[in-house]
N, C-alpha and C. Protein backbone atom coordinates (compact mmCIF):
# COMPACT_ATOMS: atom_id res chain seq x y z
N MET A 1 0.85 -1.17 0.00
CA MET A 1 0.00 0.00 0.00
C MET A 1 0.89 1.23 0.00
N ASN A 2 0.75 2.07 -0.98
CA ASN A 2 1.50 3.32 -1.06
C ASN A 2 0.55 4.49 -0.94
N LEU A 3 0.69 5.24 0.11
CA LEU A 3 -0.13 6.43 0.34
C LEU A 3 0.82 7.60 0.59
N SER A 4 0.32 8.79 0.40
CA SER A 4 1.15 9.95 0.69
C SER A 4 0.37 10.93 1.56
N VAL A 5 1.11 11.70 2.32
CA VAL A 5 0.52 12.74 3.16
C VAL A 5 1.33 14.00 2.95
N GLU A 6 0.74 15.10 3.29
CA GLU A 6 1.41 16.39 3.16
C GLU A 6 1.77 16.90 4.54
N VAL A 7 2.97 17.43 4.67
CA VAL A 7 3.39 18.03 5.94
C VAL A 7 2.85 19.46 5.95
N GLY A 8 2.06 19.75 6.96
CA GLY A 8 1.44 21.07 7.06
C GLY A 8 2.21 22.01 7.96
N LYS A 9 1.55 23.10 8.27
CA LYS A 9 2.13 24.09 9.16
C LYS A 9 2.50 23.43 10.48
N TYR A 10 3.61 23.81 11.06
CA TYR A 10 4.12 23.27 12.32
C TYR A 10 4.54 21.80 12.20
N GLY A 11 4.72 21.27 10.98
CA GLY A 11 5.19 19.91 10.79
C GLY A 11 4.13 18.84 11.00
N ARG A 12 2.89 19.22 11.01
CA ARG A 12 1.81 18.27 11.26
C ARG A 12 1.48 17.46 10.01
N ILE A 13 1.13 16.19 10.26
CA ILE A 13 0.66 15.33 9.17
C ILE A 13 -0.66 14.71 9.61
N VAL A 14 -1.48 14.35 8.64
CA VAL A 14 -2.73 13.64 8.92
C VAL A 14 -2.59 12.26 8.30
N LEU A 15 -2.73 11.22 9.14
CA LEU A 15 -2.62 9.86 8.65
C LEU A 15 -3.93 9.47 7.97
N PRO A 16 -3.85 8.82 6.82
CA PRO A 16 -5.06 8.40 6.12
C PRO A 16 -5.94 7.49 6.99
N LYS A 17 -7.25 7.59 6.80
CA LYS A 17 -8.21 6.85 7.61
C LYS A 17 -7.94 5.35 7.60
N GLN A 18 -7.63 4.79 6.44
CA GLN A 18 -7.43 3.34 6.36
C GLN A 18 -6.20 2.90 7.18
N ILE A 19 -5.19 3.75 7.28
CA ILE A 19 -4.02 3.44 8.11
C ILE A 19 -4.39 3.51 9.59
N ARG A 20 -5.13 4.56 9.96
CA ARG A 20 -5.56 4.69 11.36
C ARG A 20 -6.41 3.50 11.78
N GLN A 21 -7.32 3.07 10.91
CA GLN A 21 -8.18 1.94 11.23
C GLN A 21 -7.38 0.64 11.32
N LYS A 22 -6.49 0.44 10.37
CA LYS A 22 -5.69 -0.79 10.33
C LYS A 22 -4.86 -0.97 11.61
N TYR A 23 -4.31 0.13 12.14
CA TYR A 23 -3.44 0.05 13.30
C TYR A 23 -4.10 0.51 14.60
N GLY A 24 -5.41 0.70 14.55
CA GLY A 24 -6.15 1.06 15.76
C GLY A 24 -5.78 2.40 16.35
N MET A 25 -5.44 3.35 15.49
CA MET A 25 -5.07 4.69 15.96
C MET A 25 -6.31 5.56 16.11
N HIS A 26 -6.30 6.39 17.13
CA HIS A 26 -7.43 7.28 17.39
C HIS A 26 -6.88 8.60 17.93
N GLU A 27 -7.76 9.56 18.04
CA GLU A 27 -7.35 10.87 18.54
C GLU A 27 -6.71 10.73 19.92
N GLY A 28 -5.58 11.37 20.10
CA GLY A 28 -4.90 11.37 21.38
C GLY A 28 -3.87 10.26 21.56
N ILE A 29 -3.79 9.33 20.61
CA ILE A 29 -2.81 8.25 20.72
C ILE A 29 -1.40 8.83 20.62
N ARG A 30 -0.48 8.24 21.35
CA ARG A 30 0.91 8.70 21.32
C ARG A 30 1.70 7.83 20.37
N LEU A 31 2.65 8.46 19.67
CA LEU A 31 3.50 7.74 18.72
C LEU A 31 4.96 7.99 19.06
N ILE A 32 5.78 6.98 18.88
CA ILE A 32 7.22 7.13 18.99
C ILE A 32 7.74 7.30 17.57
N ILE A 33 8.61 8.27 17.36
CA ILE A 33 9.21 8.50 16.05
C ILE A 33 10.64 7.99 16.11
N THR A 34 10.96 7.07 15.19
CA THR A 34 12.32 6.55 15.12
C THR A 34 12.85 6.73 13.71
N GLU A 35 14.16 6.73 13.60
CA GLU A 35 14.80 6.81 12.29
C GLU A 35 15.39 5.45 11.96
N GLY A 36 15.23 5.04 10.71
CA GLY A 36 15.80 3.80 10.25
C GLY A 36 16.59 4.03 8.98
N MET A 37 17.07 2.96 8.40
CA MET A 37 17.85 3.06 7.17
C MET A 37 17.04 3.65 6.02
N GLU A 38 15.74 3.37 6.00
CA GLU A 38 14.91 3.81 4.88
C GLU A 38 14.13 5.09 5.17
N GLY A 39 14.25 5.66 6.36
CA GLY A 39 13.53 6.88 6.67
C GLY A 39 13.02 6.88 8.09
N ILE A 40 11.87 7.51 8.31
CA ILE A 40 11.31 7.60 9.66
C ILE A 40 10.20 6.57 9.82
N CYS A 41 9.96 6.21 11.07
CA CYS A 41 8.93 5.22 11.39
C CYS A 41 8.13 5.74 12.57
N LEU A 42 6.82 5.60 12.52
CA LEU A 42 5.94 5.98 13.62
C LEU A 42 5.42 4.72 14.28
N LEU A 43 5.65 4.60 15.59
CA LEU A 43 5.22 3.42 16.34
C LEU A 43 4.19 3.83 17.38
N PRO A 44 2.99 3.23 17.36
CA PRO A 44 2.01 3.56 18.39
C PRO A 44 2.50 3.08 19.76
N VAL A 45 2.24 3.88 20.76
CA VAL A 45 2.61 3.54 22.13
C VAL A 45 1.39 2.94 22.80
N GLU A 46 1.57 1.75 23.36
CA GLU A 46 0.47 1.12 24.08
C GLU A 46 0.29 1.84 25.41
N THR A 47 -0.93 2.19 25.74
CA THR A 47 -1.19 2.88 27.01
C THR A 47 -2.05 1.97 27.89
N TYR A 48 -1.96 2.19 29.16
CA TYR A 48 -2.68 1.38 30.14
C TYR A 48 -3.47 2.28 31.06
N GLU A 49 -4.60 1.76 31.54
CA GLU A 49 -5.40 2.52 32.49
C GLU A 49 -4.62 2.74 33.79
N LYS A 50 -3.89 1.70 34.21
CA LYS A 50 -3.08 1.79 35.43
C LYS A 50 -1.64 1.41 35.05
N PRO A 51 -0.86 2.37 34.53
CA PRO A 51 0.47 2.06 34.02
C PRO A 51 1.42 1.47 35.05
N THR A 52 1.28 1.85 36.31
CA THR A 52 2.19 1.31 37.32
C THR A 52 1.97 -0.18 37.50
N GLU A 53 0.73 -0.64 37.39
CA GLU A 53 0.45 -2.06 37.49
C GLU A 53 0.99 -2.81 36.27
N ALA A 54 0.88 -2.20 35.09
CA ALA A 54 1.37 -2.84 33.86
C ALA A 54 2.89 -2.99 33.89
N LEU A 55 3.58 -2.07 34.55
CA LEU A 55 5.05 -2.10 34.58
C LEU A 55 5.61 -2.81 35.81
N TYR A 56 4.75 -3.20 36.73
CA TYR A 56 5.23 -3.78 37.98
C TYR A 56 6.15 -4.97 37.71
N GLY A 57 7.35 -4.90 38.26
CA GLY A 57 8.31 -5.97 38.14
C GLY A 57 9.17 -5.95 36.89
N SER A 58 8.94 -5.00 35.99
CA SER A 58 9.69 -4.97 34.73
C SER A 58 11.05 -4.29 34.87
N VAL A 59 11.25 -3.51 35.92
CA VAL A 59 12.52 -2.82 36.14
C VAL A 59 13.16 -3.39 37.39
N LYS A 60 14.37 -3.90 37.23
CA LYS A 60 15.11 -4.44 38.37
C LYS A 60 16.18 -3.43 38.78
N SER A 61 16.29 -3.17 40.07
CA SER A 61 17.27 -2.20 40.55
C SER A 61 17.79 -2.65 41.91
N ASP A 62 19.09 -2.47 42.12
CA ASP A 62 19.72 -2.82 43.39
C ASP A 62 19.55 -1.73 44.44
N LYS A 63 19.29 -0.52 43.99
CA LYS A 63 19.17 0.60 44.91
C LYS A 63 17.80 1.25 44.74
N PRO A 64 17.35 2.01 45.75
CA PRO A 64 16.06 2.70 45.63
C PRO A 64 16.05 3.66 44.43
N ILE A 65 14.88 3.80 43.82
CA ILE A 65 14.73 4.66 42.64
C ILE A 65 14.08 5.97 43.08
N ASP A 66 14.78 7.09 42.79
CA ASP A 66 14.26 8.41 43.17
C ASP A 66 13.07 8.84 42.30
N GLU A 67 13.16 8.54 41.00
CA GLU A 67 12.11 8.94 40.07
C GLU A 67 11.60 7.70 39.32
N PRO A 68 10.72 6.90 39.94
CA PRO A 68 10.28 5.65 39.32
C PRO A 68 9.56 5.83 37.98
N LYS A 69 8.75 6.89 37.85
CA LYS A 69 8.04 7.09 36.58
C LYS A 69 9.01 7.37 35.44
N ARG A 70 10.01 8.21 35.69
CA ARG A 70 11.00 8.52 34.65
C ARG A 70 11.76 7.26 34.26
N MET A 71 12.18 6.50 35.26
CA MET A 71 12.93 5.28 34.97
C MET A 71 12.07 4.27 34.20
N ALA A 72 10.81 4.15 34.55
CA ALA A 72 9.90 3.24 33.85
C ALA A 72 9.72 3.67 32.40
N ARG A 73 9.54 4.97 32.17
CA ARG A 73 9.38 5.47 30.79
C ARG A 73 10.62 5.18 29.95
N GLU A 74 11.80 5.40 30.54
CA GLU A 74 13.05 5.12 29.82
C GLU A 74 13.16 3.64 29.49
N HIS A 75 12.76 2.79 30.43
CA HIS A 75 12.81 1.35 30.21
C HIS A 75 11.88 0.94 29.06
N VAL A 76 10.67 1.48 29.05
CA VAL A 76 9.71 1.15 27.99
C VAL A 76 10.23 1.62 26.64
N ARG A 77 10.77 2.84 26.57
CA ARG A 77 11.33 3.34 25.31
C ARG A 77 12.44 2.42 24.81
N LYS A 78 13.31 1.99 25.72
CA LYS A 78 14.42 1.11 25.35
C LYS A 78 13.89 -0.22 24.82
N LYS A 79 12.90 -0.80 25.48
CA LYS A 79 12.33 -2.08 25.04
C LYS A 79 11.67 -1.94 23.68
N LEU A 80 10.93 -0.85 23.45
CA LEU A 80 10.28 -0.64 22.16
C LEU A 80 11.31 -0.47 21.05
N ALA A 81 12.37 0.25 21.34
CA ALA A 81 13.43 0.44 20.34
C ALA A 81 14.10 -0.89 20.01
N GLU A 82 14.32 -1.74 21.03
CA GLU A 82 14.92 -3.05 20.80
C GLU A 82 14.02 -3.92 19.93
N GLU A 83 12.70 -3.89 20.20
CA GLU A 83 11.74 -4.69 19.43
C GLU A 83 11.68 -4.23 17.97
N PHE A 84 11.85 -2.94 17.76
CA PHE A 84 11.75 -2.38 16.41
C PHE A 84 12.95 -2.78 15.56
N GLN A 85 14.12 -2.91 16.15
CA GLN A 85 15.35 -3.20 15.40
C GLN A 85 15.45 -4.63 15.01
């Protein structure tokens, strides 16, 4: 499937309806932008109603964590980047 979009003012793009439907994208969804050999890639970010419960046990640390939310976000970004490569 080859579709094109136009970059508008402030760098905004509108994803075609069939792409949004195919990948379950809706208003307010967050995307990760990555660069690859062939260009840029947009990856939908899975969100949870209770993110702390979804992440429980996924980060191992020997010392107390001062900013658990920041550390969890960094961990999720790293895992998503690893899965993409």
